[in-house]
C-alpha atoms as a PDB file:
ATOM      1  CA  MET A   1     179.967  77.032 210.089  1.00  0.00           C
ATOM      2  CA  LEU A   2     179.720  79.671 208.279  1.00  0.00           C
ATOM      3  CA  GLU A   3     180.301  83.405 209.613  1.00  0.00           C
ATOM      4  CA  ILE A   4     179.575  86.446 207.613  1.00  0.00           C
ATOM      5  CA  ARG A   5     180.681  89.476 209.687  1.00  0.00           C
ATOM      6  CA  ASN A   6     179.465  93.134 208.636  1.00  0.00           C
ATOM      7  CA  VAL A   7     180.682  92.535 205.253  1.00  0.00           C
ATOM      8  CA  TYR A   8     180.185  95.802 202.459  1.00  0.00           C
ATOM      9  CA  LYS A   9     180.528  95.483 198.941  1.00  0.00           C
ATOM     10  CA  THR A  10     180.144  98.507 196.483  1.00  0.00           C
ATOM     11  CA  PHE A  11     180.520  97.876 192.812  1.00  0.00           C
ATOM     12  CA  ASN A  12     182.090 100.506 190.567  1.00  0.00           C
ATOM     13  CA  PRO A  13     183.264 102.853 193.401  1.00  0.00           C
ATOM     14  CA  GLY A  14     183.139 107.108 192.359  1.00  0.00           C
ATOM     15  CA  THR A  15     181.335 106.919 189.445  1.00  0.00           C
ATOM     16  CA  VAL A  16     177.956 107.419 188.642  1.00  0.00           C
ATOM     17  CA  ASN A  17     176.753 103.976 188.516  1.00  0.00           C
ATOM     18  CA  GLU A  18     178.265 103.022 192.252  1.00  0.00           C
ATOM     19  CA  LYS A  19     175.870 100.846 193.414  1.00  0.00           C
ATOM     20  CA  GLN A  20     176.206  99.871 197.424  1.00  0.00           C
ATOM     21  CA  ALA A  21     175.141  96.045 197.077  1.00  0.00           C
ATOM     22  CA  LEU A  22     175.901  94.733 200.946  1.00  0.00           C
ATOM     23  CA  LYS A  23     175.561  97.330 203.500  1.00  0.00           C
ATOM     24  CA  GLY A  24     176.944  95.936 206.549  1.00  0.00           C
ATOM     25  CA  ILE A  25     175.591  92.395 206.457  1.00  0.00           C
ATOM     26  CA  SER A  26     176.107  89.727 208.652  1.00  0.00           C
ATOM     27  CA  LEU A  27     174.748  86.117 209.314  1.00  0.00           C
ATOM     28  CA  THR A  28     175.864  82.990 211.076  1.00  0.00           C
ATOM     29  CA  LEU A  29     174.761  79.627 209.687  1.00  0.00           C
ATOM     30  CA  GLU A  30     174.897  76.242 212.552  1.00  0.00           C
ATOM     31  CA  ASP A  31     176.270  73.026 211.530  1.00  0.00           C
ATOM     32  CA  GLY A  32     173.636  71.713 209.245  1.00  0.00           C
ATOM     33  CA  ASP A  33     171.526  74.740 208.640  1.00  0.00           C
ATOM     34  CA  PHE A  34     169.370  74.994 205.509  1.00  0.00           C
ATOM     35  CA  VAL A  35     168.855  78.564 204.924  1.00  0.00           C
ATOM     36  CA  THR A  36     166.856  79.867 202.034  1.00  0.00           C
ATOM     37  CA  VAL A  37     167.124  83.176 200.729  1.00  0.00           C
ATOM     38  CA  ILE A  38     164.480  85.401 199.319  1.00  0.00           C
ATOM     39  CA  GLY A  39     164.233  89.122 198.226  1.00  0.00           C
ATOM     40  CA  GLY A  40     163.997  91.426 195.427  1.00  0.00           C
ATOM     41  CA  ASN A  41     165.904  91.926 192.424  1.00  0.00           C
ATOM     42  CA  GLY A  42     169.123  93.772 193.335  1.00  0.00           C
ATOM     43  CA  ALA A  43     168.444  92.956 197.172  1.00  0.00           C
ATOM     44  CA  GLY A  44     171.544  91.185 197.421  1.00  0.00           C
ATOM     45  CA  LYS A  45     171.539  87.374 197.381  1.00  0.00           C
ATOM     46  CA  SER A  46     173.650  87.114 194.596  1.00  0.00           C
ATOM     47  CA  THR A  47     175.915  89.325 195.187  1.00  0.00           C
ATOM     48  CA  MET A  48     176.241  87.849 199.360  1.00  0.00           C
ATOM     49  CA  LEU A  49     176.841  84.386 197.428  1.00  0.00           C
ATOM     50  CA  ASN A  50     179.394  85.575 195.990  1.00  0.00           C
ATOM     51  CA  ALA A  51     180.953  87.329 198.560  1.00  0.00           C
ATOM     52  CA  VAL A  52     181.068  83.439 200.631  1.00  0.00           C
ATOM     53  CA  ALA A  53     181.890  82.048 197.315  1.00  0.00           C
ATOM     54  CA  GLY A  54     185.367  84.626 196.757  1.00  0.00           C
ATOM     55  CA  VAL A  55     184.279  86.101 193.338  1.00  0.00           C
ATOM     56  CA  TRP A  56     185.685  89.182 194.133  1.00  0.00           C
ATOM     57  CA  PRO A  57     187.021  90.695 197.652  1.00  0.00           C
ATOM     58  CA  VAL A  58     184.977  92.587 199.768  1.00  0.00           C
ATOM     59  CA  ASP A  59     185.862  96.149 200.806  1.00  0.00           C
ATOM     60  CA  GLU A  60     184.580  95.557 204.953  1.00  0.00           C
ATOM     61  CA  GLY A  61     184.823  92.663 207.108  1.00  0.00           C
ATOM     62  CA  GLN A  62     185.083  88.751 207.452  1.00  0.00           C
ATOM     63  CA  ILE A  63     183.962  85.360 206.023  1.00  0.00           C
ATOM     64  CA  ILE A  64     184.329  82.076 208.152  1.00  0.00           C
ATOM     65  CA  ILE A  65     183.928  78.964 207.182  1.00  0.00           C
ATOM     66  CA  ASP A  66     184.269  76.269 209.736  1.00  0.00           C
ATOM     67  CA  GLY A  67     186.217  78.568 211.968  1.00  0.00           C
ATOM     68  CA  VAL A  68     188.655  79.663 208.917  1.00  0.00           C
ATOM     69  CA  ASP A  69     188.983  83.036 208.002  1.00  0.00           C
ATOM     70  CA  VAL A  70     188.600  82.752 204.464  1.00  0.00           C
ATOM     71  CA  THR A  71     188.188  86.170 203.709  1.00  0.00           C
ATOM     72  CA  LYS A  72     191.705  86.991 202.117  1.00  0.00           C
ATOM     73  CA  LEU A  73     191.652  83.570 200.156  1.00  0.00           C
ATOM     74  CA  SER A  74     191.450  83.759 196.574  1.00  0.00           C
ATOM     75  CA  GLU A  75     188.234  82.356 194.636  1.00  0.00           C
ATOM     76  CA  HIS A  76     190.002  78.665 193.438  1.00  0.00           C
ATOM     77  CA  LYS A  77     191.651  78.354 197.239  1.00  0.00           C
ATOM     78  CA  ARG A  78     188.178  78.663 199.056  1.00  0.00           C
ATOM     79  CA  ALA A  79     186.465  75.761 196.605  1.00  0.00           C
ATOM     80  CA  ALA A  80     188.280  73.293 199.120  1.00  0.00           C
ATOM     81  CA  TYR A  81     184.989  74.129 201.473  1.00  0.00           C
ATOM     82  CA  LEU A  82     182.640  74.793 199.074  1.00  0.00           C
ATOM     83  CA  GLY A  83     179.965  73.139 196.601  1.00  0.00           C
ATOM     84  CA  ARG A  84     178.434  75.075 194.266  1.00  0.00           C
ATOM     85  CA  VAL A  85     175.039  75.194 191.638  1.00  0.00           C
ATOM     86  CA  PHE A  86     174.643  77.736 189.152  1.00  0.00           C
ATOM     87  CA  GLN A  87     171.333  78.787 188.161  1.00  0.00           C
ATOM     88  CA  ASP A  88     172.769  77.784 184.339  1.00  0.00           C
ATOM     89  CA  PRO A  89     172.029  74.200 183.783  1.00  0.00           C
ATOM     90  CA  MET A  90     174.598  74.547 181.535  1.00  0.00           C
ATOM     91  CA  THR A  91     177.252  75.482 184.242  1.00  0.00           C
ATOM     92  CA  GLY A  92     179.403  73.289 186.598  1.00  0.00           C
ATOM     93  CA  THR A  93     179.415  70.096 183.778  1.00  0.00           C
ATOM     94  CA  ALA A  94     181.958  69.249 180.992  1.00  0.00           C
ATOM     95  CA  ALA A  95     179.208  68.728 178.300  1.00  0.00           C
ATOM     96  CA  THR A  96     181.513  66.247 176.389  1.00  0.00           C
ATOM     97  CA  MET A  97     182.693  64.131 178.418  1.00  0.00           C
ATOM     98  CA  GLY A  98     180.173  61.535 179.918  1.00  0.00           C
ATOM     99  CA  ILE A  99     178.110  60.854 182.987  1.00  0.00           C
ATOM    100  CA  GLU A 100     180.882  58.785 184.992  1.00  0.00           C
ATOM    101  CA  GLU A 101     183.750  60.851 183.650  1.00  0.00           C
ATOM    102  CA  ASN A 102     181.902  64.254 184.895  1.00  0.00           C
ATOM    103  CA  LEU A 103     181.411  62.140 188.883  1.00  0.00           C
ATOM    104  CA  ALA A 104     185.370  61.070 188.723  1.00  0.00           C
ATOM    105  CA  LEU A 105     186.411  64.614 187.967  1.00  0.00           C
ATOM    106  CA  ALA A 106     184.153  65.991 191.349  1.00  0.00           C
ATOM    107  CA  TYR A 107     184.842  63.061 193.197  1.00  0.00           C
ATOM    108  CA  ARG A 108     188.491  63.334 192.558  1.00  0.00           C
ATOM    109  CA  ARG A 109     188.824  67.283 193.090  1.00  0.00           C
ATOM    110  CA  GLY A 110     191.639  68.327 195.290  1.00  0.00           C
ATOM    111  CA  GLN A 111     193.366  65.208 195.017  1.00  0.00           C
ATOM    112  CA  HIS A 112     196.448  64.871 193.020  1.00  0.00           C
ATOM    113  CA  ARG A 113     196.576  63.246 189.552  1.00  0.00           C
ATOM    114  CA  THR A 114     198.187  60.138 188.988  1.00  0.00           C
ATOM    115  CA  LEU A 115     198.478  58.080 185.386  1.00  0.00           C
ATOM    116  CA  ARG A 116     196.427  54.845 186.459  1.00  0.00           C
ATOM    117  CA  PRO A 117     193.732  53.945 184.444  1.00  0.00           C
ATOM    118  CA  GLY A 118     190.564  56.506 184.983  1.00  0.00           C
ATOM    119  CA  ILE A 119     187.411  54.564 186.730  1.00  0.00           C
ATOM    120  CA  ARG A 120     187.509  51.280 188.321  1.00  0.00           C
ATOM    121  CA  ARG A 121     184.474  49.134 188.608  1.00  0.00           C
ATOM    122  CA  LYS A 122     184.100  49.632 191.759  1.00  0.00           C
ATOM    123  CA  GLU A 123     183.918  53.479 191.013  1.00  0.00           C
ATOM    124  CA  ARG A 124     181.350  52.656 188.700  1.00  0.00           C
ATOM    125  CA  GLU A 125     179.124  51.098 191.151  1.00  0.00           C
ATOM    126  CA  GLU A 126     178.952  53.449 193.563  1.00  0.00           C
ATOM    127  CA  TYR A 127     177.726  56.113 190.558  1.00  0.00           C
ATOM    128  CA  ARG A 128     175.599  54.178 189.587  1.00  0.00           C
ATOM    129  CA  GLU A 129     173.980  53.971 192.865  1.00  0.00           C
ATOM    130  CA  LEU A 130     174.229  57.689 193.420  1.00  0.00           C
ATOM    131  CA  LEU A 131     172.578  58.459 190.428  1.00  0.00           C
ATOM    132  CA  LYS A 132     169.476  56.305 191.683  1.00  0.00           C
ATOM    133  CA  ILE A 133     168.518  58.920 194.083  1.00  0.00           C
ATOM    134  CA  LEU A 134     167.880  61.374 191.549  1.00  0.00           C
ATOM    135  CA  GLY A 135     164.811  58.490 189.766  1.00  0.00           C
ATOM    136  CA  LEU A 136     166.170  60.050 186.215  1.00  0.00           C
ATOM    137  CA  GLY A 137     167.621  56.919 185.258  1.00  0.00           C
ATOM    138  CA  LEU A 138     170.517  58.033 184.519  1.00  0.00           C
ATOM    139  CA  GLU A 139     172.269  55.311 186.494  1.00  0.00           C
ATOM    140  CA  ASP A 140     171.563  53.579 182.848  1.00  0.00           C
ATOM    141  CA  ARG A 141     173.491  55.564 181.376  1.00  0.00           C
ATOM    142  CA  LEU A 142     177.020  56.320 182.492  1.00  0.00           C
ATOM    143  CA  THR A 143     178.774  57.032 179.522  1.00  0.00           C
ATOM    144  CA  SER A 144     176.229  59.006 177.895  1.00  0.00           C
ATOM    145  CA  LYS A 145     177.748  62.629 176.676  1.00  0.00           C
ATOM    146  CA  VAL A 146     176.331  65.456 179.334  1.00  0.00           C
ATOM    147  CA  GLY A 147     175.726  67.598 176.911  1.00  0.00           C
ATOM    148  CA  LEU A 148     172.775  65.484 175.380  1.00  0.00           C
ATOM    149  CA  LEU A 149     170.873  65.752 178.695  1.00  0.00           C
ATOM    150  CA  SER A 150     168.210  67.918 179.666  1.00  0.00           C
ATOM    151  CA  GLY A 151     168.200  71.299 181.490  1.00  0.00           C
ATOM    152  CA  GLY A 152     166.919  69.391 184.467  1.00  0.00           C
ATOM    153  CA  GLN A 153     168.944  66.081 184.142  1.00  0.00           C
ATOM    154  CA  ARG A 154     172.453  68.149 184.061  1.00  0.00           C
ATOM    155  CA  GLN A 155     171.078  70.106 186.837  1.00  0.00           C
ATOM    156  CA  ALA A 156     170.651  67.062 189.153  1.00  0.00           C
ATOM    157  CA  LEU A 157     174.148  65.892 188.094  1.00  0.00           C
ATOM    158  CA  THR A 158     175.455  69.064 188.943  1.00  0.00           C
ATOM    159  CA  LEU A 159     173.801  68.888 192.314  1.00  0.00           C
ATOM    160  CA  LEU A 160     175.583  65.459 192.735  1.00  0.00           C
ATOM    161  CA  MET A 161     178.711  66.545 191.815  1.00  0.00           C
ATOM    162  CA  ALA A 162     178.594  69.485 194.400  1.00  0.00           C
ATOM    163  CA  THR A 163     177.782  67.026 196.763  1.00  0.00           C
ATOM    164  CA  LEU A 164     180.399  64.472 196.551  1.00  0.00           C
ATOM    165  CA  LYS A 165     182.731  65.246 198.514  1.00  0.00           C
ATOM    166  CA  LYS A 166     180.218  66.743 201.365  1.00  0.00           C
ATOM    167  CA  PRO A 167     181.619  70.043 201.381  1.00  0.00           C
ATOM    168  CA  LYS A 168     181.750  72.296 204.728  1.00  0.00           C
ATOM    169  CA  LEU A 169     179.139  74.757 202.631  1.00  0.00           C
ATOM    170  CA  LEU A 170     176.441  74.212 199.936  1.00  0.00           C
ATOM    171  CA  LEU A 171     175.686  77.221 198.025  1.00  0.00           C
ATOM    172  CA  LEU A 172     172.819  77.200 195.602  1.00  0.00           C
ATOM    173  CA  ASP A 173     172.234  80.016 193.472  1.00  0.00           C
ATOM    174  CA  GLU A 174     168.485  79.958 191.738  1.00  0.00           C
ATOM    175  CA  HIS A 175     169.488  76.598 190.557  1.00  0.00           C
ATOM    176  CA  THR A 176     165.946  75.681 189.391  1.00  0.00           C
ATOM    177  CA  ALA A 177     165.365  78.886 187.881  1.00  0.00           C
ATOM    178  CA  ALA A 178     165.349  77.994 184.636  1.00  0.00           C
ATOM    179  CA  LEU A 179     163.432  74.671 184.824  1.00  0.00           C
ATOM    180  CA  ASP A 180     160.348  73.529 184.076  1.00  0.00           C
ATOM    181  CA  PRO A 181     158.188  73.806 187.522  1.00  0.00           C
ATOM    182  CA  LYS A 182     157.460  69.707 187.482  1.00  0.00           C
ATOM    183  CA  THR A 183     161.788  69.496 186.670  1.00  0.00           C
ATOM    184  CA  ALA A 184     162.122  72.322 189.509  1.00  0.00           C
ATOM    185  CA  ALA A 185     160.292  70.225 192.059  1.00  0.00           C
ATOM    186  CA  LYS A 186     162.361  66.771 191.225  1.00  0.00           C
ATOM    187  CA  VAL A 187     166.007  68.765 191.744  1.00  0.00           C
ATOM    188  CA  LEU A 188     164.396  70.478 195.007  1.00  0.00           C
ATOM    189  CA  GLU A 189     162.856  67.381 196.226  1.00  0.00           C
ATOM    190  CA  THR A 190     166.142  65.411 195.601  1.00  0.00           C
ATOM    191  CA  THR A 191     168.234  68.909 196.965  1.00  0.00           C
ATOM    192  CA  GLU A 192     166.494  68.037 200.323  1.00  0.00           C
ATOM    193  CA  THR A 193     167.108  64.224 200.630  1.00  0.00           C
ATOM    194  CA  ILE A 194     171.211  64.998 199.651  1.00  0.00           C
ATOM    195  CA  VAL A 195     171.280  67.831 201.924  1.00  0.00           C
ATOM    196  CA  ASN A 196     169.631  66.077 204.916  1.00  0.00           C
ATOM    197  CA  ARG A 197     170.938  62.646 204.298  1.00  0.00           C
ATOM    198  CA  ASP A 198     174.509  64.412 204.695  1.00  0.00           C
ATOM    199  CA  HIS A 199     173.881  66.693 207.369  1.00  0.00           C
ATOM    200  CA  LEU A 200     174.789  69.826 204.766  1.00  0.00           C
ATOM    201  CA  THR A 201     175.165  73.131 205.908  1.00  0.00           C
ATOM    202  CA  THR A 202     173.384  75.354 203.365  1.00  0.00           C
ATOM    203  CA  LEU A 203     172.456  78.257 201.730  1.00  0.00           C
ATOM    204  CA  MET A 204     170.146  78.563 198.681  1.00  0.00           C
ATOM    205  CA  ILE A 205     168.560  81.228 196.996  1.00  0.00           C
ATOM    206  CA  THR A 206     165.368  81.110 195.370  1.00  0.00           C
ATOM    207  CA  HIS A 207     163.147  83.600 193.075  1.00  0.00           C
ATOM    208  CA  ASN A 208     160.348  81.251 194.817  1.00  0.00           C
ATOM    209  CA  MET A 209     158.528  82.460 197.835  1.00  0.00           C
ATOM    210  CA  ARG A 210     156.795  78.870 198.047  1.00  0.00           C
ATOM    211  CA  ASP A 211     159.883  76.707 197.759  1.00  0.00           C
ATOM    212  CA  ALA A 212     161.840  79.289 200.099  1.00  0.00           C
ATOM    213  CA  ILE A 213     158.946  78.436 203.041  1.00  0.00           C
ATOM    214  CA  ALA A 214     159.016  74.805 202.229  1.00  0.00           C
ATOM    215  CA  HIS A 215     162.145  73.751 202.512  1.00  0.00           C
ATOM    216  CA  GLY A 216     165.598  74.441 204.899  1.00  0.00           C
ATOM    217  CA  ASN A 217     164.843  75.240 208.854  1.00  0.00           C
ATOM    218  CA  ARG A 218     165.473  79.103 208.127  1.00  0.00           C
ATOM    219  CA  LEU A 219     164.790  81.620 206.058  1.00  0.00           C
ATOM    220  CA  ILE A 220     166.268  85.137 205.331  1.00  0.00           C
ATOM    221  CA  MET A 221     164.797  87.695 203.195  1.00  0.00           C
ATOM    222  CA  MET A 222     166.818  90.964 201.989  1.00  0.00           C
ATOM    223  CA  MET A 223     166.439  94.098 200.795  1.00  0.00           C
ATOM    224  CA  ASP A 224     169.087  96.756 199.737  1.00  0.00           C
ATOM    225  CA  GLY A 225     171.619  95.489 200.932  1.00  0.00           C
ATOM    226  CA  ARG A 226     170.309  94.156 204.230  1.00  0.00           C
ATOM    227  CA  ILE A 227     168.626  91.476 206.017  1.00  0.00           C
ATOM    228  CA  ILE A 228     165.377  92.422 207.307  1.00  0.00           C
ATOM    229  CA  LEU A 229     164.221  88.933 208.352  1.00  0.00           C
ATOM    230  CA  ASP A 230     165.417  85.952 209.788  1.00  0.00           C
ATOM    231  CA  ILE A 231     162.579  82.979 210.320  1.00  0.00           C
ATOM    232  CA  ARG A 232     163.635  79.721 211.671  1.00  0.00           C
ATOM    233  CA  GLY A 233     162.027  76.751 213.855  1.00  0.00           C
ATOM    234  CA  GLU A 234     158.325  76.821 214.527  1.00  0.00           C
ATOM    235  CA  GLU A 235     157.655  80.304 213.078  1.00  0.00           C
ATOM    236  CA  LYS A 236     159.083  78.770 209.561  1.00  0.00           C
ATOM    237  CA  LYS A 237     156.845  75.784 209.600  1.00  0.00           C
ATOM    238  CA  LYS A 238     153.876  77.798 210.025  1.00  0.00           C
ATOM    239  CA  LEU A 239     154.576  80.289 207.660  1.00  0.00           C
ATOM    240  CA  THR A 240     152.721  81.239 204.884  1.00  0.00           C
ATOM    241  CA  VAL A 241     152.586  83.063 201.573  1.00  0.00           C
ATOM    242  CA  GLU A 242     150.829  86.064 203.023  1.00  0.00           C
ATOM    243  CA  ASP A 243     152.344  85.854 206.653  1.00  0.00           C
ATOM    244  CA  LEU A 244     155.758  86.519 204.886  1.00  0.00           C
ATOM    245  CA  LEU A 245     154.065  89.574 202.978  1.00  0.00           C
ATOM    246  CA  HIS A 246     152.581  90.968 206.212  1.00  0.00           C
ATOM    247  CA  GLN A 247     156.070  90.692 207.818  1.00  0.00           C
ATOM    248  CA  PHE A 248     157.806  92.332 204.855  1.00  0.00           C
ATOM    249  CA  GLU A 249     155.846  95.470 204.924  1.00  0.00           C
ATOM    250  CA  ILE A 250     156.098  95.587 208.597  1.00  0.00           C
ATOM    251  CA  VAL A 251     159.868  95.813 208.710  1.00  0.00           C
ATOM    252  CA  SER A 252     160.245  97.507 204.905  1.00  0.00           C
ATOM    253  CA  GLY A 253     157.629 100.145 205.446  1.00  0.00           C
ATOM    254  CA  GLU A 254     156.624  99.222 201.612  1.00  0.00           C
ATOM    255  CA  GLN A 255     155.225  96.422 199.625  1.00  0.00           C
ATOM    256  CA  PHE A 256     156.716  93.141 198.172  1.00  0.00           C
ATOM    257  CA  ALA A 257     157.453  94.004 194.254  1.00  0.00           C
ATOM    258  CA  SER A 258     158.223  90.547 192.637  1.00  0.00           C
ATOM    259  CA  ASP A 259     155.111  89.136 191.202  1.00  0.00           C
ATOM    260  CA  LYS A 260     156.958  86.129 190.020  1.00  0.00           C
ATOM    261  CA  ALA A 261     158.559  85.414 193.397  1.00  0.00           C
ATOM    262  CA  ILE A 262     155.174  85.789 195.151  1.00  0.00           C
ATOM    263  CA  LEU A 263     153.163  83.627 192.619  1.00  0.00           C
ATOM    264  CA  GLY A 264     155.918  81.265 191.400  1.00  0.00           C
END
């Protein structure tokens, strides 16, 4: 479903601020893979996700989604293949519009717009059923302005919107990092439910090793613009934070530096 082939990306080339963020990275995700991505600051996690999303062009290499080479496609054209949830809960929803209006926007993405009345009764009932999955009581607040919701409620709604059209690939960029632990756990639980229910191919960056181990069927660790660990199947099911740190030290020759990732 996703192929990243030998991708390089350097920011500010030829200047004192030059940073080689991706160094020939290659990764293949099969249909239905749920891959968690862990690594320290500057490892290249978000750079890789942004490369897939088309936020900026790559210097070398190819990005292929469901057999289609999207390397040269602009970000807005590539969006037809993707669902995306950002770290900031304020991103991804329209604050001045109601919950049902935000869902309607997501539902109509990529369709031709007409002058017909906005949201029909049947559609409204579908939204109500969808919102029940979140367990946040939002199904009884369809007309509430999204700007009045808490960060966790907005992030859960954004997740629902990103998956409404069952994208080819779901990109989650530390989507629980700004939430308190209890709310983050709820959003992650909902993520797992939706991903498994719809068999969505998913790439999830997290700053938390325990979350990276607990969720998904595969874990990759990045360092210095490269993938240094790729753990899946039974090996991942048995994995502990201590095991992961030990493997990191063997592969990298140094200790993992982020206390936040280890202790989170």
